[in-house]
C-alpha atoms as a PDB file:
ATOM      1  CA  UNK A   1      -0.152   0.074   0.259  1.00  0.00           C
ATOM      2  CA  UNK A   2       1.841   3.163  -0.962  1.00  0.00           C
ATOM      3  CA  UNK A   3       0.983   6.286   1.285  1.00  0.00           C
ATOM      4  CA  UNK A   4       1.116   9.212  -0.273  1.00  0.00           C
ATOM      5  CA  UNK A   5       1.586  12.600   2.303  1.00  0.00           C
ATOM      6  CA  UNK A   6      -1.965  13.505   3.570  1.00  0.00           C
ATOM      7  CA  UNK A   7      -1.452   9.855   5.059  1.00  0.00           C
ATOM      8  CA  UNK A   8       1.718  10.369   6.525  1.00  0.00           C
ATOM      9  CA  UNK A   9       0.157  13.362   7.680  1.00  0.00           C
ATOM     10  CA  UNK A  10      -2.870  11.604   9.387  1.00  0.00           C
ATOM     11  CA  UNK A  11      -0.705   8.861  10.734  1.00  0.00           C
ATOM     12  CA  UNK A  12       1.487  11.347  12.845  1.00  0.00           C
ATOM     13  CA  UNK A  13      -1.553  14.018  13.519  1.00  0.00           C
ATOM     14  CA  UNK A  14      -3.067  10.715  14.937  1.00  0.00           C
ATOM     15  CA  UNK A  15       0.005   9.703  16.827  1.00  0.00           C
ATOM     16  CA  UNK A  16       0.156  13.598  17.707  1.00  0.00           C
ATOM     17  CA  UNK A  17      -2.845  13.287  19.067  1.00  0.00           C
ATOM     18  CA  UNK A  18      -3.301   9.998  21.241  1.00  0.00           C
ATOM     19  CA  UNK A  19      -0.119  11.299  23.152  1.00  0.00           C
ATOM     20  CA  UNK A  20      -2.048  14.010  24.348  1.00  0.00           C
ATOM     21  CA  UNK A  21      -5.195  11.765  25.226  1.00  0.00           C
ATOM     22  CA  UNK A  22      -2.611   9.100  26.798  1.00  0.00           C
ATOM     23  CA  UNK A  23      -0.051  12.196  28.986  1.00  0.00           C
ATOM     24  CA  UNK A  24      -3.333  12.739  30.574  1.00  0.00           C
ATOM     25  CA  UNK A  25      -3.917   8.969  31.177  1.00  0.00           C
ATOM     26  CA  UNK A  26      -0.966   8.662  32.282  1.00  0.00           C
ATOM     27  CA  UNK A  27      -1.830  12.244  34.710  1.00  0.00           C
ATOM     28  CA  UNK A  28      -5.181  10.486  36.211  1.00  0.00           C
ATOM     29  CA  UNK A  29      -3.751   6.856  37.175  1.00  0.00           C
ATOM     30  CA  UNK A  30      -0.919   9.262  39.703  1.00  0.00           C
ATOM     31  CA  UNK A  31      -3.659  10.582  40.658  1.00  0.00           C
ATOM     32  CA  UNK A  32      -6.727   7.964  41.350  1.00  0.00           C
ATOM     33  CA  UNK A  33      -4.872   3.970  40.127  1.00  0.00           C
ATOM     34  CA  UNK A  34      -6.789   1.921  37.604  1.00  0.00           C
ATOM     35  CA  UNK A  35      -9.704   2.997  39.536  1.00  0.00           C
ATOM     36  CA  UNK A  36     -11.706   2.878  36.345  1.00  0.00           C
ATOM     37  CA  UNK A  37     -11.534  -0.563  36.785  1.00  0.00           C
ATOM     38  CA  UNK A  38     -14.918  -1.048  38.895  1.00  0.00           C
ATOM     39  CA  UNK A  39     -16.832   0.018  35.468  1.00  0.00           C
ATOM     40  CA  UNK A  40     -18.751  -1.420  33.786  1.00  0.00           C
ATOM     41  CA  UNK A  41     -19.567  -1.179  30.249  1.00  0.00           C
ATOM     42  CA  UNK A  42     -22.469   0.086  30.070  1.00  0.00           C
ATOM     43  CA  UNK A  43     -21.420   2.808  32.634  1.00  0.00           C
ATOM     44  CA  UNK A  44     -18.351   3.466  29.667  1.00  0.00           C
ATOM     45  CA  UNK A  45     -20.921   3.854  27.682  1.00  0.00           C
ATOM     46  CA  UNK A  46     -22.688   6.586  29.367  1.00  0.00           C
ATOM     47  CA  UNK A  47     -19.203   8.290  29.888  1.00  0.00           C
ATOM     48  CA  UNK A  48     -19.120   8.088  25.838  1.00  0.00           C
ATOM     49  CA  UNK A  49     -22.289  10.072  25.979  1.00  0.00           C
ATOM     50  CA  UNK A  50     -22.286  12.914  28.958  1.00  0.00           C
ATOM     51  CA  UNK A  51     -19.112  13.888  26.977  1.00  0.00           C
ATOM     52  CA  UNK A  52     -20.799  13.606  23.542  1.00  0.00           C
ATOM     53  CA  UNK A  53     -23.807  15.516  24.941  1.00  0.00           C
ATOM     54  CA  UNK A  54     -21.623  17.950  25.687  1.00  0.00           C
ATOM     55  CA  UNK A  55     -19.305  19.369  22.694  1.00  0.00           C
ATOM     56  CA  UNK A  56     -22.976  19.255  20.864  1.00  0.00           C
ATOM     57  CA  UNK A  57     -24.203  21.419  23.513  1.00  0.00           C
ATOM     58  CA  UNK A  58     -21.597  24.398  23.163  1.00  0.00           C
ATOM     59  CA  UNK A  59     -21.982  23.379  18.976  1.00  0.00           C
ATOM     60  CA  UNK A  60     -25.555  24.417  19.276  1.00  0.00           C
ATOM     61  CA  UNK A  61     -25.458  27.260  21.664  1.00  0.00           C
ATOM     62  CA  UNK A  62     -21.560  28.458  21.572  1.00  0.00           C
ATOM     63  CA  UNK A  63     -21.133  28.708  24.536  1.00  0.00           C
ATOM     64  CA  UNK A  64     -19.776  26.505  28.109  1.00  0.00           C
ATOM     65  CA  UNK A  65     -20.437  27.693  31.304  1.00  0.00           C
ATOM     66  CA  UNK A  66     -17.870  25.567  32.113  1.00  0.00           C
ATOM     67  CA  UNK A  67     -14.400  26.018  32.505  1.00  0.00           C
ATOM     68  CA  UNK A  68     -13.439  23.347  29.673  1.00  0.00           C
ATOM     69  CA  UNK A  69     -14.450  23.224  26.293  1.00  0.00           C
ATOM     70  CA  UNK A  70     -14.302  20.890  23.323  1.00  0.00           C
ATOM     71  CA  UNK A  71     -11.192  19.940  23.245  1.00  0.00           C
ATOM     72  CA  UNK A  72     -11.090  18.296  27.399  1.00  0.00           C
ATOM     73  CA  UNK A  73     -14.289  16.425  26.071  1.00  0.00           C
ATOM     74  CA  UNK A  74     -12.905  14.829  23.167  1.00  0.00           C
ATOM     75  CA  UNK A  75      -9.766  13.782  25.077  1.00  0.00           C
ATOM     76  CA  UNK A  76     -12.263  12.461  27.203  1.00  0.00           C
ATOM     77  CA  UNK A  77     -14.074  10.092  25.113  1.00  0.00           C
ATOM     78  CA  UNK A  78     -11.094   8.526  23.117  1.00  0.00           C
ATOM     79  CA  UNK A  79      -9.361   7.443  27.286  1.00  0.00           C
ATOM     80  CA  UNK A  80     -12.761   6.341  28.001  1.00  0.00           C
ATOM     81  CA  UNK A  81     -12.891   4.136  24.437  1.00  0.00           C
ATOM     82  CA  UNK A  82     -10.548   2.514  25.689  1.00  0.00           C
ATOM     83  CA  UNK A  83     -10.602   2.247  28.285  1.00  0.00           C
ATOM     84  CA  UNK A  84     -13.817   0.894  27.964  1.00  0.00           C
ATOM     85  CA  UNK A  85     -12.399  -1.777  25.046  1.00  0.00           C
ATOM     86  CA  UNK A  86      -9.594  -2.860  28.145  1.00  0.00           C
ATOM     87  CA  UNK A  87     -13.501  -3.175  30.394  1.00  0.00           C
ATOM     88  CA  UNK A  88     -14.756  -5.585  27.748  1.00  0.00           C
ATOM     89  CA  UNK A  89     -11.716  -7.652  27.193  1.00  0.00           C
ATOM     90  CA  UNK A  90     -10.989  -8.105  30.860  1.00  0.00           C
ATOM     91  CA  UNK A  91     -13.945  -7.805  32.436  1.00  0.00           C
ATOM     92  CA  UNK A  92     -14.847  -5.227  35.372  1.00  0.00           C
ATOM     93  CA  UNK A  93     -13.535  -5.548  38.939  1.00  0.00           C
ATOM     94  CA  UNK A  94     -14.906  -4.932  42.428  1.00  0.00           C
ATOM     95  CA  UNK A  95     -11.431  -3.926  43.556  1.00  0.00           C
ATOM     96  CA  UNK A  96      -8.722  -1.864  41.827  1.00  0.00           C
ATOM     97  CA  UNK A  97      -6.613  -5.039  41.102  1.00  0.00           C
ATOM     98  CA  UNK A  98      -4.548  -3.639  38.762  1.00  0.00           C
ATOM     99  CA  UNK A  99      -1.563  -1.043  38.765  1.00  0.00           C
ATOM    100  CA  UNK A 100      -0.934   1.812  36.549  1.00  0.00           C
ATOM    101  CA  UNK A 101       1.938  -0.118  34.378  1.00  0.00           C
ATOM    102  CA  UNK A 102      -0.799  -2.492  33.406  1.00  0.00           C
ATOM    103  CA  UNK A 103      -2.835   0.101  32.660  1.00  0.00           C
ATOM    104  CA  UNK A 104      -0.938   2.036  30.539  1.00  0.00           C
ATOM    105  CA  UNK A 105       0.095  -1.882  28.597  1.00  0.00           C
ATOM    106  CA  UNK A 106      -3.474  -1.722  27.771  1.00  0.00           C
ATOM    107  CA  UNK A 107      -3.811   1.696  26.730  1.00  0.00           C
ATOM    108  CA  UNK A 108      -1.029   1.262  24.468  1.00  0.00           C
ATOM    109  CA  UNK A 109      -2.504  -1.873  22.483  1.00  0.00           C
ATOM    110  CA  UNK A 110      -5.599  -0.249  22.588  1.00  0.00           C
ATOM    111  CA  UNK A 111      -4.652   2.933  20.936  1.00  0.00           C
ATOM    112  CA  UNK A 112      -2.407   1.113  18.253  1.00  0.00           C
ATOM    113  CA  UNK A 113      -5.515  -0.815  17.190  1.00  0.00           C
ATOM    114  CA  UNK A 114      -7.076   2.308  16.356  1.00  0.00           C
ATOM    115  CA  UNK A 115      -4.960   3.653  14.794  1.00  0.00           C
ATOM    116  CA  UNK A 116      -4.616   0.585  12.773  1.00  0.00           C
ATOM    117  CA  UNK A 117      -7.901   0.569  11.908  1.00  0.00           C
ATOM    118  CA  UNK A 118      -7.818   4.366  10.922  1.00  0.00           C
ATOM    119  CA  UNK A 119      -4.681   3.774   8.845  1.00  0.00           C
ATOM    120  CA  UNK A 120      -6.760   0.312   6.782  1.00  0.00           C
ATOM    121  CA  UNK A 121     -10.674   2.887   6.767  1.00  0.00           C
ATOM    122  CA  UNK A 122      -8.582   6.181   6.167  1.00  0.00           C
ATOM    123  CA  UNK A 123      -6.891   4.141   3.099  1.00  0.00           C
ATOM    124  CA  UNK A 124     -10.805   2.698   1.890  1.00  0.00           C
ATOM    125  CA  UNK A 125     -12.169   6.562   1.871  1.00  0.00           C
ATOM    126  CA  UNK A 126      -9.348   8.636   1.042  1.00  0.00           C
ATOM    127  CA  UNK A 127      -9.158  10.733   3.881  1.00  0.00           C
ATOM    128  CA  UNK A 128     -12.862  11.882   3.509  1.00  0.00           C
ATOM    129  CA  UNK A 129     -13.057  12.993   6.997  1.00  0.00           C
ATOM    130  CA  UNK A 130     -11.102  15.706   6.321  1.00  0.00           C
ATOM    131  CA  UNK A 131     -14.154  17.040   4.186  1.00  0.00           C
ATOM    132  CA  UNK A 132     -15.956  17.176   7.201  1.00  0.00           C
ATOM    133  CA  UNK A 133     -17.208  18.947   9.813  1.00  0.00           C
ATOM    134  CA  UNK A 134     -16.312  18.214  13.378  1.00  0.00           C
ATOM    135  CA  UNK A 135     -19.823  18.228  14.435  1.00  0.00           C
ATOM    136  CA  UNK A 136     -20.764  15.702  12.193  1.00  0.00           C
ATOM    137  CA  UNK A 137     -17.957  13.898  13.983  1.00  0.00           C
ATOM    138  CA  UNK A 138     -20.308  14.478  17.412  1.00  0.00           C
ATOM    139  CA  UNK A 139     -23.841  13.345  15.949  1.00  0.00           C
ATOM    140  CA  UNK A 140     -21.425   9.616  14.469  1.00  0.00           C
ATOM    141  CA  UNK A 141     -20.034   9.773  18.569  1.00  0.00           C
ATOM    142  CA  UNK A 142     -23.269  10.171  19.681  1.00  0.00           C
ATOM    143  CA  UNK A 143     -24.655   7.887  16.943  1.00  0.00           C
ATOM    144  CA  UNK A 144     -22.790   4.504  17.713  1.00  0.00           C
ATOM    145  CA  UNK A 145     -22.892   5.898  21.272  1.00  0.00           C
ATOM    146  CA  UNK A 146     -26.920   4.782  20.877  1.00  0.00           C
ATOM    147  CA  UNK A 147     -25.748   1.817  18.541  1.00  0.00           C
ATOM    148  CA  UNK A 148     -23.714   0.802  21.348  1.00  0.00           C
ATOM    149  CA  UNK A 149     -26.589   0.631  23.564  1.00  0.00           C
ATOM    150  CA  UNK A 150     -28.986  -1.194  22.026  1.00  0.00           C
ATOM    151  CA  UNK A 151     -26.470  -3.958  21.308  1.00  0.00           C
ATOM    152  CA  UNK A 152     -26.435  -3.362  25.428  1.00  0.00           C
ATOM    153  CA  UNK A 153     -29.368  -4.229  26.362  1.00  0.00           C
ATOM    154  CA  UNK A 154     -29.245  -6.954  23.699  1.00  0.00           C
ATOM    155  CA  UNK A 155     -26.730  -8.548  26.152  1.00  0.00           C
ATOM    156  CA  UNK A 156     -23.870  -8.286  22.960  1.00  0.00           C
ATOM    157  CA  UNK A 157     -25.681  -9.734  20.498  1.00  0.00           C
ATOM    158  CA  UNK A 158     -25.944  -8.693  17.007  1.00  0.00           C
ATOM    159  CA  UNK A 159     -27.645 -10.144  14.320  1.00  0.00           C
ATOM    160  CA  UNK A 160     -25.434  -8.228  10.855  1.00  0.00           C
ATOM    161  CA  UNK A 161     -23.886  -5.863  12.718  1.00  0.00           C
ATOM    162  CA  UNK A 162     -20.630  -5.052  14.120  1.00  0.00           C
ATOM    163  CA  UNK A 163     -20.119  -5.440  18.004  1.00  0.00           C
ATOM    164  CA  UNK A 164     -19.453  -3.040  21.142  1.00  0.00           C
ATOM    165  CA  UNK A 165     -15.818  -2.887  20.432  1.00  0.00           C
ATOM    166  CA  UNK A 166     -15.859  -2.150  16.440  1.00  0.00           C
ATOM    167  CA  UNK A 167     -18.710   1.242  17.512  1.00  0.00           C
ATOM    168  CA  UNK A 168     -16.448   1.901  20.914  1.00  0.00           C
ATOM    169  CA  UNK A 169     -12.935   2.122  18.485  1.00  0.00           C
ATOM    170  CA  UNK A 170     -14.685   3.941  15.734  1.00  0.00           C
ATOM    171  CA  UNK A 171     -15.741   6.731  18.617  1.00  0.00           C
ATOM    172  CA  UNK A 172     -12.332   6.567  19.452  1.00  0.00           C
ATOM    173  CA  UNK A 173     -11.364   7.939  15.767  1.00  0.00           C
ATOM    174  CA  UNK A 174     -13.893   9.869  15.431  1.00  0.00           C
ATOM    175  CA  UNK A 175     -12.391  12.127  18.861  1.00  0.00           C
ATOM    176  CA  UNK A 176      -9.495  12.112  17.304  1.00  0.00           C
ATOM    177  CA  UNK A 177     -10.411  12.800  13.973  1.00  0.00           C
ATOM    178  CA  UNK A 178     -12.408  16.536  15.626  1.00  0.00           C
ATOM    179  CA  UNK A 179      -9.278  16.199  17.517  1.00  0.00           C
ATOM    180  CA  UNK A 180      -6.781  17.472  15.031  1.00  0.00           C
ATOM    181  CA  UNK A 181      -9.020  19.086  13.046  1.00  0.00           C
ATOM    182  CA  UNK A 182      -9.767  21.471  16.014  1.00  0.00           C
ATOM    183  CA  UNK A 183      -6.607  21.249  17.866  1.00  0.00           C
ATOM    184  CA  UNK A 184      -3.189  20.120  15.019  1.00  0.00           C
ATOM    185  CA  UNK A 185      -5.214  21.997  11.769  1.00  0.00           C
ATOM    186  CA  UNK A 186      -6.528  25.378  13.690  1.00  0.00           C
ATOM    187  CA  UNK A 187      -3.796  25.523  15.730  1.00  0.00           C
ATOM    188  CA  UNK A 188      -7.248  26.117  18.150  1.00  0.00           C
ATOM    189  CA  UNK A 189      -6.890  25.732  21.822  1.00  0.00           C
ATOM    190  CA  UNK A 190     -10.837  25.488  22.842  1.00  0.00           C
ATOM    191  CA  UNK A 191     -10.293  24.447  26.916  1.00  0.00           C
END
């Protein structure tokens, strides 16, 4: 597969955004440890829902009354999406049963999986995400959340559709695209 300049830029930008998200994840691990280990995937879906709804509210109203903007919510979607994938694989726990080293290793595994998926889709869709409005990423994330909730209500079973993990991956990637467009491309700091 031949890599174009735009594709190479996207891969580099994706990596830059993940580094930013990972840095916050590590800081939160220092403060709280892997306290998220007690969360069930459904609760993580709801956390992502809260963040996406807040983004949509800010986009619609044009103002935020809390001193955190869209950028912090997109970072939260990336990080909670990765945590949700970890929880899907390992299950939840009644206690904080894993250390930070394990949590970082798992984060990196799923961040790399999201990058690899983005590369494949970006190849097939030929950088179509660059022509989209950032508000469309929000709507697509909300759609993926609703699909995930529906699948969760069916105990994770689908007839012909992708599973919960694929929806989390898409949420992560749409949030990364939003961060690339709002932070890297525009140079705007929304916090």
